[in-house]
């Protein structure tokens, strides 16, 4: 049974009225419509992947950061996207995700922000942004699409010069992680946490092809951070002063540098299974 059918049947049994919204693919319009619907509801349930989560997070927080402290609305997730990378980091089964919809329990989670736009999982510059740009929203082969486009870029991408917090370096990729996973299952930030109040910045230096292949092979298991050319640090604010470098977040190219990237601690309340978390 699909998550949508399950939700419809369960809501009917519980006599809960649902109001559906199908995203149209235009960021501004989707965020505006979700914000309008949220006026009348205290919870939004996301059936989708990281891109859909990104829309909802921006609808929840855009212009409402202070309001969230006073009257926080809650978000629930039924993962059914291509990658589901943010949901993957929490480790719940399908049964647990379904239980969370009506559980009455929630936890605070952090979000990230690139200039004025929010992200929930990960933002990045360099290699991963180039892969996302090359895909242009096309996922013909499902989750395998990330692998196919990524392998092609491994052979051709040359790297980029970035100046972050005044320090300039040549990098293949620079990530700002709230979650642990991206690209439908790679684990670039194995020690990132969604409730620590900071983002994890991971940089991978410009590499030869053999080192690139090794790095991404180890990334499948989250052990690449032991390599000498992979650097990890944490922080709440990052200032990128380089001009004209594309930034992707949650699977879409959203901006170009210069940019300010920041962590917003405990900005959202996420429904979780009743076995853990704070009571709503």
C-alpha atoms as a PDB file:
ATOM      1  CA  UNK A   1       0.000   0.000   0.000  1.00  0.00           C
ATOM      2  CA  UNK A   2       1.422   3.398  -0.969  1.00  0.00           C
ATOM      3  CA  UNK A   3       1.986   6.034   1.679  1.00  0.00           C
ATOM      4  CA  UNK A   4      -0.679   8.254   0.126  1.00  0.00           C
ATOM      5  CA  UNK A   5      -3.328   5.525   0.189  1.00  0.00           C
ATOM      6  CA  UNK A   6      -2.333   4.562   3.725  1.00  0.00           C
ATOM      7  CA  UNK A   7      -2.622   8.166   4.902  1.00  0.00           C
ATOM      8  CA  UNK A   8      -6.023   8.627   3.300  1.00  0.00           C
ATOM      9  CA  UNK A   9      -7.404   5.438   4.875  1.00  0.00           C
ATOM     10  CA  UNK A  10      -5.895   6.132   8.298  1.00  0.00           C
ATOM     11  CA  UNK A  11      -7.133   9.727   8.351  1.00  0.00           C
ATOM     12  CA  UNK A  12     -10.612   8.520   7.437  1.00  0.00           C
ATOM     13  CA  UNK A  13     -10.603   6.026  10.315  1.00  0.00           C
ATOM     14  CA  UNK A  14      -9.421   8.723  12.720  1.00  0.00           C
ATOM     15  CA  UNK A  15     -11.901  11.246  11.302  1.00  0.00           C
ATOM     16  CA  UNK A  16      -9.122  13.650  10.433  1.00  0.00           C
ATOM     17  CA  UNK A  17      -9.771  15.963   7.486  1.00  0.00           C
ATOM     18  CA  UNK A  18      -6.886  16.192   5.018  1.00  0.00           C
ATOM     19  CA  UNK A  19      -6.181  19.083   2.668  1.00  0.00           C
ATOM     20  CA  UNK A  20      -3.915  18.071  -0.191  1.00  0.00           C
ATOM     21  CA  UNK A  21      -1.503  20.185  -2.201  1.00  0.00           C
ATOM     22  CA  UNK A  22       0.455  18.851  -5.189  1.00  0.00           C
ATOM     23  CA  UNK A  23       3.598  20.871  -5.934  1.00  0.00           C
ATOM     24  CA  UNK A  24       3.820  22.486  -9.373  1.00  0.00           C
ATOM     25  CA  UNK A  25       7.607  22.762  -9.722  1.00  0.00           C
ATOM     26  CA  UNK A  26       7.823  26.553  -9.358  1.00  0.00           C
ATOM     27  CA  UNK A  27       9.578  27.306  -6.062  1.00  0.00           C
ATOM     28  CA  UNK A  28       7.985  30.688  -5.365  1.00  0.00           C
ATOM     29  CA  UNK A  29       4.470  29.566  -6.224  1.00  0.00           C
ATOM     30  CA  UNK A  30       4.763  26.331  -4.248  1.00  0.00           C
ATOM     31  CA  UNK A  31       6.057  28.119  -1.150  1.00  0.00           C
ATOM     32  CA  UNK A  32       3.328  30.743  -1.386  1.00  0.00           C
ATOM     33  CA  UNK A  33       0.547  28.149  -1.712  1.00  0.00           C
ATOM     34  CA  UNK A  34       1.890  26.041   1.168  1.00  0.00           C
ATOM     35  CA  UNK A  35       2.107  29.144   3.365  1.00  0.00           C
ATOM     36  CA  UNK A  36      -1.526  29.937   2.592  1.00  0.00           C
ATOM     37  CA  UNK A  37      -2.626  26.457   3.562  1.00  0.00           C
ATOM     38  CA  UNK A  38      -0.589  26.551   6.779  1.00  0.00           C
ATOM     39  CA  UNK A  39      -2.654  29.473   8.036  1.00  0.00           C
ATOM     40  CA  UNK A  40      -5.469  26.996   8.686  1.00  0.00           C
ATOM     41  CA  UNK A  41      -3.421  24.035   9.963  1.00  0.00           C
ATOM     42  CA  UNK A  42      -0.986  23.244  12.767  1.00  0.00           C
ATOM     43  CA  UNK A  43       0.718  20.323  10.989  1.00  0.00           C
ATOM     44  CA  UNK A  44       1.952  19.674   7.474  1.00  0.00           C
ATOM     45  CA  UNK A  45       2.748  16.133   6.305  1.00  0.00           C
ATOM     46  CA  UNK A  46       5.270  15.858   3.505  1.00  0.00           C
ATOM     47  CA  UNK A  47       4.906  13.001   1.012  1.00  0.00           C
ATOM     48  CA  UNK A  48       8.064  13.320  -1.022  1.00  0.00           C
ATOM     49  CA  UNK A  49      11.825  13.608  -0.835  1.00  0.00           C
ATOM     50  CA  UNK A  50      14.366  16.298  -0.016  1.00  0.00           C
ATOM     51  CA  UNK A  51      13.123  18.723  -2.665  1.00  0.00           C
ATOM     52  CA  UNK A  52       9.580  18.657  -1.291  1.00  0.00           C
ATOM     53  CA  UNK A  53      10.905  18.976   2.258  1.00  0.00           C
ATOM     54  CA  UNK A  54      12.847  22.047   1.137  1.00  0.00           C
ATOM     55  CA  UNK A  55       9.650  23.710  -0.090  1.00  0.00           C
ATOM     56  CA  UNK A  56       7.819  23.040   3.164  1.00  0.00           C
ATOM     57  CA  UNK A  57      10.708  24.248   5.319  1.00  0.00           C
ATOM     58  CA  UNK A  58      10.831  27.503   3.354  1.00  0.00           C
ATOM     59  CA  UNK A  59       7.071  27.897   3.705  1.00  0.00           C
ATOM     60  CA  UNK A  60       7.251  27.263   7.457  1.00  0.00           C
ATOM     61  CA  UNK A  61      10.160  29.609   8.151  1.00  0.00           C
ATOM     62  CA  UNK A  62      10.252  32.278   5.445  1.00  0.00           C
ATOM     63  CA  UNK A  63       9.411  35.491   7.274  1.00  0.00           C
ATOM     64  CA  UNK A  64       8.175  33.536  10.303  1.00  0.00           C
ATOM     65  CA  UNK A  65      11.272  32.703  12.346  1.00  0.00           C
ATOM     66  CA  UNK A  66      10.026  34.642  15.373  1.00  0.00           C
ATOM     67  CA  UNK A  67       6.477  33.347  14.965  1.00  0.00           C
ATOM     68  CA  UNK A  68       7.780  29.784  15.127  1.00  0.00           C
ATOM     69  CA  UNK A  69       8.890  30.397  18.713  1.00  0.00           C
ATOM     70  CA  UNK A  70       5.423  31.535  19.738  1.00  0.00           C
ATOM     71  CA  UNK A  71       3.178  29.185  17.777  1.00  0.00           C
ATOM     72  CA  UNK A  72       5.325  26.442  16.243  1.00  0.00           C
ATOM     73  CA  UNK A  73       3.704  24.419  13.502  1.00  0.00           C
ATOM     74  CA  UNK A  74       4.783  20.828  13.124  1.00  0.00           C
ATOM     75  CA  UNK A  75       6.060  18.873  10.170  1.00  0.00           C
ATOM     76  CA  UNK A  76       5.675  15.139   9.575  1.00  0.00           C
ATOM     77  CA  UNK A  77       7.352  13.081   6.854  1.00  0.00           C
ATOM     78  CA  UNK A  78       6.306  10.106   4.753  1.00  0.00           C
ATOM     79  CA  UNK A  79       9.442   9.567   2.616  1.00  0.00           C
ATOM     80  CA  UNK A  80       8.640   8.743  -1.009  1.00  0.00           C
ATOM     81  CA  UNK A  81      11.103  10.795  -3.050  1.00  0.00           C
ATOM     82  CA  UNK A  82      14.048   9.778  -5.215  1.00  0.00           C
ATOM     83  CA  UNK A  83      16.775  10.032  -2.584  1.00  0.00           C
ATOM     84  CA  UNK A  84      15.099  10.631   0.784  1.00  0.00           C
ATOM     85  CA  UNK A  85      18.513  11.563   2.160  1.00  0.00           C
ATOM     86  CA  UNK A  86      17.340  13.654   5.107  1.00  0.00           C
ATOM     87  CA  UNK A  87      14.857  11.003   6.242  1.00  0.00           C
ATOM     88  CA  UNK A  88      17.515   8.301   5.810  1.00  0.00           C
ATOM     89  CA  UNK A  89      19.678   9.935   8.495  1.00  0.00           C
ATOM     90  CA  UNK A  90      16.971   9.486  11.143  1.00  0.00           C
ATOM     91  CA  UNK A  91      16.897   5.738  10.609  1.00  0.00           C
ATOM     92  CA  UNK A  92      13.159   5.117  10.928  1.00  0.00           C
ATOM     93  CA  UNK A  93      11.376   2.298   9.139  1.00  0.00           C
ATOM     94  CA  UNK A  94       8.298   2.896   6.966  1.00  0.00           C
ATOM     95  CA  UNK A  95       6.168   1.646   9.865  1.00  0.00           C
ATOM     96  CA  UNK A  96       7.774   4.160  12.238  1.00  0.00           C
ATOM     97  CA  UNK A  97       7.376   7.056   9.805  1.00  0.00           C
ATOM     98  CA  UNK A  98       3.695   6.205   9.491  1.00  0.00           C
ATOM     99  CA  UNK A  99       3.337   5.990  13.250  1.00  0.00           C
ATOM    100  CA  UNK A 100       4.884   9.441  13.608  1.00  0.00           C
ATOM    101  CA  UNK A 101       2.095  11.144  11.651  1.00  0.00           C
ATOM    102  CA  UNK A 102      -0.394  10.808  14.498  1.00  0.00           C
ATOM    103  CA  UNK A 103       2.011  10.093  17.383  1.00  0.00           C
ATOM    104  CA  UNK A 104       1.680  13.348  19.295  1.00  0.00           C
ATOM    105  CA  UNK A 105       5.468  13.388  19.845  1.00  0.00           C
ATOM    106  CA  UNK A 106       7.974  15.683  18.185  1.00  0.00           C
ATOM    107  CA  UNK A 107      11.599  16.776  18.390  1.00  0.00           C
ATOM    108  CA  UNK A 108      13.306  20.046  17.587  1.00  0.00           C
ATOM    109  CA  UNK A 109      15.613  19.965  14.585  1.00  0.00           C
ATOM    110  CA  UNK A 110      17.978  22.504  13.038  1.00  0.00           C
ATOM    111  CA  UNK A 111      17.861  23.942   9.547  1.00  0.00           C
ATOM    112  CA  UNK A 112      20.436  25.715   7.411  1.00  0.00           C
ATOM    113  CA  UNK A 113      20.126  28.974   5.538  1.00  0.00           C
ATOM    114  CA  UNK A 114      21.816  30.262   2.373  1.00  0.00           C
ATOM    115  CA  UNK A 115      21.275  34.032   2.297  1.00  0.00           C
ATOM    116  CA  UNK A 116      17.461  34.181   2.555  1.00  0.00           C
ATOM    117  CA  UNK A 117      16.645  30.603   1.548  1.00  0.00           C
ATOM    118  CA  UNK A 118      16.466  27.653   3.925  1.00  0.00           C
ATOM    119  CA  UNK A 119      17.609  24.062   3.522  1.00  0.00           C
ATOM    120  CA  UNK A 120      17.027  21.021   5.695  1.00  0.00           C
ATOM    121  CA  UNK A 121      19.642  18.495   4.608  1.00  0.00           C
ATOM    122  CA  UNK A 122      22.730  19.806   2.871  1.00  0.00           C
ATOM    123  CA  UNK A 123      24.077  22.683   0.795  1.00  0.00           C
ATOM    124  CA  UNK A 124      27.190  22.500  -1.321  1.00  0.00           C
ATOM    125  CA  UNK A 125      29.505  24.138  -3.828  1.00  0.00           C
ATOM    126  CA  UNK A 126      31.792  22.638  -6.418  1.00  0.00           C
ATOM    127  CA  UNK A 127      31.433  19.070  -7.651  1.00  0.00           C
ATOM    128  CA  UNK A 128      27.993  18.300  -6.216  1.00  0.00           C
ATOM    129  CA  UNK A 129      26.544  21.595  -7.452  1.00  0.00           C
ATOM    130  CA  UNK A 130      27.875  20.792 -10.928  1.00  0.00           C
ATOM    131  CA  UNK A 131      26.224  17.357 -10.812  1.00  0.00           C
ATOM    132  CA  UNK A 132      22.892  18.863  -9.760  1.00  0.00           C
ATOM    133  CA  UNK A 133      23.143  21.503 -12.497  1.00  0.00           C
ATOM    134  CA  UNK A 134      23.912  18.836 -15.113  1.00  0.00           C
ATOM    135  CA  UNK A 135      20.901  16.788 -14.033  1.00  0.00           C
ATOM    136  CA  UNK A 136      18.649  19.863 -14.354  1.00  0.00           C
ATOM    137  CA  UNK A 137      15.936  18.121 -12.368  1.00  0.00           C
ATOM    138  CA  UNK A 138      15.944  15.042 -14.611  1.00  0.00           C
ATOM    139  CA  UNK A 139      15.987  11.715 -12.752  1.00  0.00           C
ATOM    140  CA  UNK A 140      15.237   9.310 -15.552  1.00  0.00           C
ATOM    141  CA  UNK A 141      16.960   6.433 -13.767  1.00  0.00           C
ATOM    142  CA  UNK A 142      15.648   7.253 -10.283  1.00  0.00           C
ATOM    143  CA  UNK A 143      18.239   7.204  -7.512  1.00  0.00           C
ATOM    144  CA  UNK A 144      20.787   5.780  -9.964  1.00  0.00           C
ATOM    145  CA  UNK A 145      20.679   9.109 -11.821  1.00  0.00           C
ATOM    146  CA  UNK A 146      22.895  10.703  -9.168  1.00  0.00           C
ATOM    147  CA  UNK A 147      25.489   7.968  -9.635  1.00  0.00           C
ATOM    148  CA  UNK A 148      25.513   8.180 -13.425  1.00  0.00           C
ATOM    149  CA  UNK A 149      25.849  11.965 -13.556  1.00  0.00           C
ATOM    150  CA  UNK A 150      28.342  11.916 -10.687  1.00  0.00           C
ATOM    151  CA  UNK A 151      30.652   9.387 -12.335  1.00  0.00           C
ATOM    152  CA  UNK A 152      30.649  11.442 -15.540  1.00  0.00           C
ATOM    153  CA  UNK A 153      31.623  14.578 -13.615  1.00  0.00           C
ATOM    154  CA  UNK A 154      34.393  12.761 -11.737  1.00  0.00           C
ATOM    155  CA  UNK A 155      36.330  12.545 -14.993  1.00  0.00           C
ATOM    156  CA  UNK A 156      35.842  16.164 -16.089  1.00  0.00           C
ATOM    157  CA  UNK A 157      35.379  18.479 -13.115  1.00  0.00           C
ATOM    158  CA  UNK A 158      38.462  20.559 -12.318  1.00  0.00           C
ATOM    159  CA  UNK A 159      37.602  22.126  -8.970  1.00  0.00           C
ATOM    160  CA  UNK A 160      36.991  25.674  -7.772  1.00  0.00           C
ATOM    161  CA  UNK A 161      38.714  28.330  -5.683  1.00  0.00           C
ATOM    162  CA  UNK A 162      36.677  29.261  -2.611  1.00  0.00           C
ATOM    163  CA  UNK A 163      37.272  31.890   0.051  1.00  0.00           C
ATOM    164  CA  UNK A 164      35.383  30.851   3.207  1.00  0.00           C
ATOM    165  CA  UNK A 165      35.608  33.008   6.344  1.00  0.00           C
ATOM    166  CA  UNK A 166      38.637  34.746   4.835  1.00  0.00           C
ATOM    167  CA  UNK A 167      40.552  31.544   4.061  1.00  0.00           C
ATOM    168  CA  UNK A 168      41.104  30.741   0.358  1.00  0.00           C
ATOM    169  CA  UNK A 169      41.596  27.212  -0.918  1.00  0.00           C
ATOM    170  CA  UNK A 170      41.286  25.050  -4.019  1.00  0.00           C
ATOM    171  CA  UNK A 171      38.557  22.497  -3.504  1.00  0.00           C
ATOM    172  CA  UNK A 172      36.760  19.821  -5.407  1.00  0.00           C
ATOM    173  CA  UNK A 173      33.729  20.121  -3.158  1.00  0.00           C
ATOM    174  CA  UNK A 174      32.595  22.075  -0.120  1.00  0.00           C
ATOM    175  CA  UNK A 175      29.541  20.906   1.828  1.00  0.00           C
ATOM    176  CA  UNK A 176      27.525  22.422   4.659  1.00  0.00           C
ATOM    177  CA  UNK A 177      25.717  19.531   6.284  1.00  0.00           C
ATOM    178  CA  UNK A 178      22.754  19.366   8.612  1.00  0.00           C
ATOM    179  CA  UNK A 179      21.971  15.769   7.632  1.00  0.00           C
ATOM    180  CA  UNK A 180      24.461  13.001   6.902  1.00  0.00           C
ATOM    181  CA  UNK A 181      23.581  11.774   3.416  1.00  0.00           C
ATOM    182  CA  UNK A 182      23.242  13.050  -0.132  1.00  0.00           C
ATOM    183  CA  UNK A 183      22.994  11.740  -3.708  1.00  0.00           C
ATOM    184  CA  UNK A 184      20.566   8.963  -2.730  1.00  0.00           C
ATOM    185  CA  UNK A 185      22.715   7.296  -0.107  1.00  0.00           C
ATOM    186  CA  UNK A 186      26.302   8.590  -0.080  1.00  0.00           C
ATOM    187  CA  UNK A 187      27.411   9.593   3.418  1.00  0.00           C
ATOM    188  CA  UNK A 188      29.639  12.668   3.141  1.00  0.00           C
ATOM    189  CA  UNK A 189      28.975  13.877   6.701  1.00  0.00           C
ATOM    190  CA  UNK A 190      28.756  10.749   8.886  1.00  0.00           C
ATOM    191  CA  UNK A 191      29.024  12.667  12.179  1.00  0.00           C
ATOM    192  CA  UNK A 192      26.581  15.472  11.334  1.00  0.00           C
ATOM    193  CA  UNK A 193      23.581  15.836  13.655  1.00  0.00           C
ATOM    194  CA  UNK A 194      20.271  17.553  13.005  1.00  0.00           C
ATOM    195  CA  UNK A 195      19.981  18.846  16.568  1.00  0.00           C
ATOM    196  CA  UNK A 196      23.459  20.110  17.500  1.00  0.00           C
ATOM    197  CA  UNK A 197      22.843  23.763  16.582  1.00  0.00           C
ATOM    198  CA  UNK A 198      25.665  23.860  14.025  1.00  0.00           C
ATOM    199  CA  UNK A 199      26.425  22.882  10.452  1.00  0.00           C
ATOM    200  CA  UNK A 200      29.293  20.585   9.576  1.00  0.00           C
ATOM    201  CA  UNK A 201      31.545  21.987   6.859  1.00  0.00           C
ATOM    202  CA  UNK A 202      33.346  19.321   4.842  1.00  0.00           C
ATOM    203  CA  UNK A 203      35.896  20.228   2.193  1.00  0.00           C
ATOM    204  CA  UNK A 204      37.611  17.894  -0.246  1.00  0.00           C
ATOM    205  CA  UNK A 205      40.729  19.243  -1.917  1.00  0.00           C
ATOM    206  CA  UNK A 206      41.224  19.205  -5.678  1.00  0.00           C
ATOM    207  CA  UNK A 207      42.336  15.639  -6.444  1.00  0.00           C
ATOM    208  CA  UNK A 208      43.697  13.332  -9.093  1.00  0.00           C
ATOM    209  CA  UNK A 209      41.195  10.923 -10.634  1.00  0.00           C
ATOM    210  CA  UNK A 210      42.461   7.956  -8.613  1.00  0.00           C
ATOM    211  CA  UNK A 211      42.066   9.867  -5.332  1.00  0.00           C
ATOM    212  CA  UNK A 212      38.605  11.048  -6.367  1.00  0.00           C
ATOM    213  CA  UNK A 213      37.495   7.501  -7.009  1.00  0.00           C
ATOM    214  CA  UNK A 214      38.923   6.348  -3.670  1.00  0.00           C
ATOM    215  CA  UNK A 215      37.271   9.206  -1.810  1.00  0.00           C
ATOM    216  CA  UNK A 216      33.817   8.545  -3.241  1.00  0.00           C
ATOM    217  CA  UNK A 217      34.138   4.802  -2.789  1.00  0.00           C
ATOM    218  CA  UNK A 218      34.883   5.334   0.902  1.00  0.00           C
ATOM    219  CA  UNK A 219      32.034   7.859   1.094  1.00  0.00           C
ATOM    220  CA  UNK A 220      29.614   4.985   0.506  1.00  0.00           C
ATOM    221  CA  UNK A 221      30.564   3.768   3.988  1.00  0.00           C
ATOM    222  CA  UNK A 222      31.181   7.156   5.598  1.00  0.00           C
ATOM    223  CA  UNK A 223      34.876   6.532   6.262  1.00  0.00           C
ATOM    224  CA  UNK A 224      36.368   9.007   3.765  1.00  0.00           C
ATOM    225  CA  UNK A 225      36.847  11.639   6.496  1.00  0.00           C
ATOM    226  CA  UNK A 226      39.987   9.757   7.592  1.00  0.00           C
ATOM    227  CA  UNK A 227      41.700  10.721   4.328  1.00  0.00           C
ATOM    228  CA  UNK A 228      44.275  13.542   4.660  1.00  0.00           C
ATOM    229  CA  UNK A 229      42.702  15.625   1.887  1.00  0.00           C
ATOM    230  CA  UNK A 230      39.262  15.678   3.550  1.00  0.00           C
ATOM    231  CA  UNK A 231      38.757  18.385   6.188  1.00  0.00           C
ATOM    232  CA  UNK A 232      35.841  18.661   8.628  1.00  0.00           C
ATOM    233  CA  UNK A 233      34.889  21.512  10.945  1.00  0.00           C
ATOM    234  CA  UNK A 234      31.731  22.855  12.606  1.00  0.00           C
ATOM    235  CA  UNK A 235      30.187  26.285  12.914  1.00  0.00           C
ATOM    236  CA  UNK A 236      27.049  28.375  12.925  1.00  0.00           C
ATOM    237  CA  UNK A 237      28.078  31.015  10.376  1.00  0.00           C
ATOM    238  CA  UNK A 238      30.133  30.824   7.183  1.00  0.00           C
ATOM    239  CA  UNK A 239      30.885  33.743   4.860  1.00  0.00           C
ATOM    240  CA  UNK A 240      31.786  32.835   1.264  1.00  0.00           C
ATOM    241  CA  UNK A 241      33.220  35.884  -0.508  1.00  0.00           C
ATOM    242  CA  UNK A 242      34.165  34.234  -3.832  1.00  0.00           C
ATOM    243  CA  UNK A 243      32.093  35.530  -6.760  1.00  0.00           C
ATOM    244  CA  UNK A 244      29.923  33.515  -9.132  1.00  0.00           C
ATOM    245  CA  UNK A 245      30.066  29.933  -7.782  1.00  0.00           C
ATOM    246  CA  UNK A 246      26.811  27.975  -7.910  1.00  0.00           C
ATOM    247  CA  UNK A 247      25.284  26.691  -4.668  1.00  0.00           C
ATOM    248  CA  UNK A 248      22.957  23.702  -4.489  1.00  0.00           C
ATOM    249  CA  UNK A 249      20.781  22.804  -1.546  1.00  0.00           C
ATOM    250  CA  UNK A 250      18.566  19.751  -1.048  1.00  0.00           C
ATOM    251  CA  UNK A 251      19.085  18.742  -4.680  1.00  0.00           C
ATOM    252  CA  UNK A 252      18.465  22.047  -6.482  1.00  0.00           C
ATOM    253  CA  UNK A 253      20.754  24.908  -7.542  1.00  0.00           C
ATOM    254  CA  UNK A 254      19.419  27.812  -5.482  1.00  0.00           C
ATOM    255  CA  UNK A 255      21.972  30.632  -5.534  1.00  0.00           C
ATOM    256  CA  UNK A 256      25.465  31.791  -6.442  1.00  0.00           C
ATOM    257  CA  UNK A 257      28.212  33.251  -4.291  1.00  0.00           C
ATOM    258  CA  UNK A 258      28.956  35.494  -2.499  1.00  0.00           C
ATOM    259  CA  UNK A 259      26.768  34.025   0.214  1.00  0.00           C
ATOM    260  CA  UNK A 260      26.248  33.767   3.928  1.00  0.00           C
ATOM    261  CA  UNK A 261      25.473  30.262   5.185  1.00  0.00           C
ATOM    262  CA  UNK A 262      24.187  29.783   8.696  1.00  0.00           C
ATOM    263  CA  UNK A 263      22.616  27.277  11.071  1.00  0.00           C
ATOM    264  CA  UNK A 264      19.307  27.973  12.789  1.00  0.00           C
ATOM    265  CA  UNK A 265      19.142  25.844  15.906  1.00  0.00           C
ATOM    266  CA  UNK A 266      15.911  24.039  16.840  1.00  0.00           C
ATOM    267  CA  UNK A 267      13.908  25.924  14.227  1.00  0.00           C
ATOM    268  CA  UNK A 268      11.457  23.134  13.363  1.00  0.00           C
ATOM    269  CA  UNK A 269       9.365  20.602  15.233  1.00  0.00           C
ATOM    270  CA  UNK A 270       9.389  17.230  13.494  1.00  0.00           C
ATOM    271  CA  UNK A 271       6.920  14.471  14.356  1.00  0.00           C
ATOM    272  CA  UNK A 272       8.599  11.254  15.498  1.00  0.00           C
ATOM    273  CA  UNK A 273       7.351   7.844  16.628  1.00  0.00           C
ATOM    274  CA  UNK A 274       5.921   7.837  20.131  1.00  0.00           C
ATOM    275  CA  UNK A 275       8.809   5.744  21.490  1.00  0.00           C
ATOM    276  CA  UNK A 276      10.972   8.866  21.865  1.00  0.00           C
ATOM    277  CA  UNK A 277      11.039  12.627  21.862  1.00  0.00           C
ATOM    278  CA  UNK A 278       9.251  15.403  23.695  1.00  0.00           C
ATOM    279  CA  UNK A 279       5.518  15.243  24.040  1.00  0.00           C
ATOM    280  CA  UNK A 280       3.766  17.860  21.951  1.00  0.00           C
END
